[in-house]
Amino acid sequence: MTTLQITISLLVVSVALNALAFWFIRKLLTKLLFVSDNLGEVNDVMLRFSEHIEGVYSMETFYGDQTLKSLLEHSRLIVTMIQEFDEIYTIADGYSSLGGLDEEGEVPDGEET
């Protein structure tokens, strides 16, 4: 084999590996954006749930109930834990505002990432 043939072979292998890496990274980013969207929704639901429990607990009929108090504390703990991931699930908000993926997780036609 000549030097030219070796160089061309290495170039073809490099292009193939780069294409494979691009495809793999794109798949990972799509999954990450899907998870980040869902984490944001889970956070919203848990916040509403916590507010609901707090409203019930503050009612005169239930005020001081230890079960509801424990449930309220537990919901606050869960909300706090979910909010620790705030940086992750806001990635999707920032990405979609920059013209990122559509609802199906695909790049809209005519746009480049």
C-alpha atoms as a PDB file:
ATOM      1  CA  MET A   1       0.000   0.000   0.000  1.00  0.00           C
ATOM      2  CA  THR A   2       1.172   3.424  -0.813  1.00  0.00           C
ATOM      3  CA  THR A   3       1.148   6.370   1.506  1.00  0.00           C
ATOM      4  CA  LEU A   4      -1.780   7.865  -0.416  1.00  0.00           C
ATOM      5  CA  GLN A   5      -3.854   4.717   0.035  1.00  0.00           C
ATOM      6  CA  ILE A   6      -3.099   4.627   3.765  1.00  0.00           C
ATOM      7  CA  THR A   7      -4.013   8.308   4.096  1.00  0.00           C
ATOM      8  CA  ILE A   8      -7.282   7.803   2.226  1.00  0.00           C
ATOM      9  CA  SER A   9      -8.109   4.738   4.327  1.00  0.00           C
ATOM     10  CA  LEU A  10      -7.477   6.674   7.538  1.00  0.00           C
ATOM     11  CA  LEU A  11      -9.581   9.552   6.233  1.00  0.00           C
ATOM     12  CA  VAL A  12     -12.508   7.230   5.452  1.00  0.00           C
ATOM     13  CA  VAL A  13     -12.275   5.613   8.898  1.00  0.00           C
ATOM     14  CA  SER A  14     -12.107   9.043  10.536  1.00  0.00           C
ATOM     15  CA  VAL A  15     -15.158  10.320   8.627  1.00  0.00           C
ATOM     16  CA  ALA A  16     -17.099   7.172   9.529  1.00  0.00           C
ATOM     17  CA  LEU A  17     -16.195   7.476  13.219  1.00  0.00           C
ATOM     18  CA  ASN A  18     -17.098  11.169  13.239  1.00  0.00           C
ATOM     19  CA  ALA A  19     -20.461  10.430  11.624  1.00  0.00           C
ATOM     20  CA  LEU A  20     -21.122   7.706  14.195  1.00  0.00           C
ATOM     21  CA  ALA A  21     -20.143  10.037  17.047  1.00  0.00           C
ATOM     22  CA  PHE A  22     -22.393  12.803  15.659  1.00  0.00           C
ATOM     23  CA  TRP A  23     -25.357  10.403  15.441  1.00  0.00           C
ATOM     24  CA  PHE A  24     -24.748   9.090  18.969  1.00  0.00           C
ATOM     25  CA  ILE A  25     -24.428  12.564  20.509  1.00  0.00           C
ATOM     26  CA  ARG A  26     -27.585  13.705  18.730  1.00  0.00           C
ATOM     27  CA  LYS A  27     -29.507  10.726  20.145  1.00  0.00           C
ATOM     28  CA  LEU A  28     -28.207  11.465  23.647  1.00  0.00           C
ATOM     29  CA  LEU A  29     -29.172  15.126  23.407  1.00  0.00           C
ATOM     30  CA  THR A  30     -32.660  14.216  22.221  1.00  0.00           C
ATOM     31  CA  LYS A  31     -33.121  11.965  25.255  1.00  0.00           C
ATOM     32  CA  LEU A  32     -31.689  14.595  27.599  1.00  0.00           C
ATOM     33  CA  LEU A  33     -34.097  17.218  26.281  1.00  0.00           C
ATOM     34  CA  PHE A  34     -37.020  14.804  26.688  1.00  0.00           C
ATOM     35  CA  VAL A  35     -36.032  14.113  30.310  1.00  0.00           C
ATOM     36  CA  SER A  36     -35.511  17.791  31.041  1.00  0.00           C
ATOM     37  CA  ASP A  37     -38.981  18.640  29.703  1.00  0.00           C
ATOM     38  CA  ASN A  38     -40.545  15.972  31.887  1.00  0.00           C
ATOM     39  CA  LEU A  39     -38.606  17.026  34.989  1.00  0.00           C
ATOM     40  CA  GLY A  40     -39.983  20.535  34.577  1.00  0.00           C
ATOM     41  CA  GLU A  41     -43.519  19.189  34.424  1.00  0.00           C
ATOM     42  CA  VAL A  42     -42.934  16.984  37.485  1.00  0.00           C
ATOM     43  CA  ASN A  43     -41.670  20.023  39.368  1.00  0.00           C
ATOM     44  CA  ASP A  44     -44.797  22.014  38.457  1.00  0.00           C
ATOM     45  CA  VAL A  45     -47.103  19.182  39.529  1.00  0.00           C
ATOM     46  CA  MET A  46     -45.287  18.724  42.830  1.00  0.00           C
ATOM     47  CA  LEU A  47     -45.430  22.458  43.557  1.00  0.00           C
ATOM     48  CA  ARG A  48     -49.196  22.484  43.007  1.00  0.00           C
ATOM     49  CA  PHE A  49     -49.557  19.345  45.141  1.00  0.00           C
ATOM     50  CA  SER A  50     -47.558  20.925  47.959  1.00  0.00           C
ATOM     51  CA  GLU A  51     -49.655  24.091  47.798  1.00  0.00           C
ATOM     52  CA  HIS A  52     -52.845  22.008  47.864  1.00  0.00           C
ATOM     53  CA  ILE A  53     -51.721  20.072  50.939  1.00  0.00           C
ATOM     54  CA  GLU A  54     -50.702  23.298  52.638  1.00  0.00           C
ATOM     55  CA  GLY A  55     -54.171  24.728  51.914  1.00  0.00           C
ATOM     56  CA  VAL A  56     -55.873  21.653  53.372  1.00  0.00           C
ATOM     57  CA  TYR A  57     -53.582  21.644  56.393  1.00  0.00           C
ATOM     58  CA  SER A  58     -54.336  25.295  57.135  1.00  0.00           C
ATOM     59  CA  MET A  59     -58.105  24.615  57.218  1.00  0.00           C
ATOM     60  CA  GLU A  60     -59.534  24.845  60.681  1.00  0.00           C
ATOM     61  CA  THR A  61     -60.852  21.278  60.528  1.00  0.00           C
ATOM     62  CA  PHE A  62     -57.439  19.742  59.770  1.00  0.00           C
ATOM     63  CA  TYR A  63     -55.071  22.188  61.504  1.00  0.00           C
ATOM     64  CA  GLY A  64     -52.649  20.297  63.722  1.00  0.00           C
ATOM     65  CA  ASP A  65     -53.287  16.863  62.178  1.00  0.00           C
ATOM     66  CA  GLN A  66     -49.959  15.054  62.417  1.00  0.00           C
ATOM     67  CA  THR A  67     -50.558  12.938  59.307  1.00  0.00           C
ATOM     68  CA  LEU A  68     -51.197  15.988  57.148  1.00  0.00           C
ATOM     69  CA  LYS A  69     -48.278  17.792  58.765  1.00  0.00           C
ATOM     70  CA  SER A  70     -45.962  14.890  57.872  1.00  0.00           C
ATOM     71  CA  LEU A  71     -47.397  14.774  54.353  1.00  0.00           C
ATOM     72  CA  LEU A  72     -46.810  18.525  53.987  1.00  0.00           C
ATOM     73  CA  GLU A  73     -43.210  18.206  55.146  1.00  0.00           C
ATOM     74  CA  HIS A  74     -42.663  15.260  52.812  1.00  0.00           C
ATOM     75  CA  SER A  75     -44.054  17.169  49.829  1.00  0.00           C
ATOM     76  CA  ARG A  76     -41.816  20.144  50.636  1.00  0.00           C
ATOM     77  CA  LEU A  77     -38.807  17.811  50.755  1.00  0.00           C
ATOM     78  CA  ILE A  78     -39.695  16.325  47.364  1.00  0.00           C
ATOM     79  CA  VAL A  79     -40.164  19.786  45.837  1.00  0.00           C
ATOM     80  CA  THR A  80     -36.782  20.852  47.214  1.00  0.00           C
ATOM     81  CA  MET A  81     -35.111  17.748  45.780  1.00  0.00           C
ATOM     82  CA  ILE A  82     -36.688  18.290  42.363  1.00  0.00           C
ATOM     83  CA  GLN A  83     -35.678  21.955  42.384  1.00  0.00           C
ATOM     84  CA  GLU A  84     -32.049  20.865  42.783  1.00  0.00           C
ATOM     85  CA  PHE A  85     -32.331  19.646  39.196  1.00  0.00           C
ATOM     86  CA  ASP A  86     -33.596  23.047  38.037  1.00  0.00           C
ATOM     87  CA  GLU A  87     -30.487  23.612  35.948  1.00  0.00           C
ATOM     88  CA  ILE A  88     -31.099  20.397  34.016  1.00  0.00           C
ATOM     89  CA  TYR A  89     -34.722  20.866  33.105  1.00  0.00           C
ATOM     90  CA  THR A  90     -34.306  24.517  32.181  1.00  0.00           C
ATOM     91  CA  ILE A  91     -31.880  23.414  29.463  1.00  0.00           C
ATOM     92  CA  ALA A  92     -34.853  22.460  27.301  1.00  0.00           C
ATOM     93  CA  ASP A  93     -36.478  25.866  27.786  1.00  0.00           C
ATOM     94  CA  GLY A  94     -33.315  27.649  26.687  1.00  0.00           C
ATOM     95  CA  TYR A  95     -32.724  25.271  23.802  1.00  0.00           C
ATOM     96  CA  SER A  96     -36.254  25.468  22.420  1.00  0.00           C
ATOM     97  CA  SER A  97     -36.188  29.271  22.608  1.00  0.00           C
ATOM     98  CA  LEU A  98     -33.087  29.168  20.419  1.00  0.00           C
ATOM     99  CA  GLY A  99     -34.923  27.201  17.748  1.00  0.00           C
ATOM    100  CA  GLY A 100     -34.024  23.703  18.878  1.00  0.00           C
ATOM    101  CA  LEU A 101     -36.047  20.536  18.707  1.00  0.00           C
ATOM    102  CA  ASP A 102     -39.772  20.446  18.041  1.00  0.00           C
ATOM    103  CA  GLU A 103     -42.354  18.548  20.108  1.00  0.00           C
ATOM    104  CA  GLU A 104     -41.298  15.175  18.668  1.00  0.00           C
ATOM    105  CA  GLY A 105     -37.650  15.783  19.542  1.00  0.00           C
ATOM    106  CA  GLU A 106     -36.627  16.432  15.933  1.00  0.00           C
ATOM    107  CA  VAL A 107     -34.948  19.422  14.331  1.00  0.00           C
ATOM    108  CA  PRO A 108     -37.571  21.291  12.276  1.00  0.00           C
ATOM    109  CA  ASP A 109     -37.100  21.243   8.495  1.00  0.00           C
ATOM    110  CA  GLY A 110     -34.788  23.913   7.176  1.00  0.00           C
ATOM    111  CA  GLU A 111     -33.026  24.489  10.507  1.00  0.00           C
ATOM    112  CA  GLU A 112     -29.569  23.479  11.570  1.00  0.00           C
ATOM    113  CA  THR A 113     -28.371  22.885  15.113  1.00  0.00           C
END
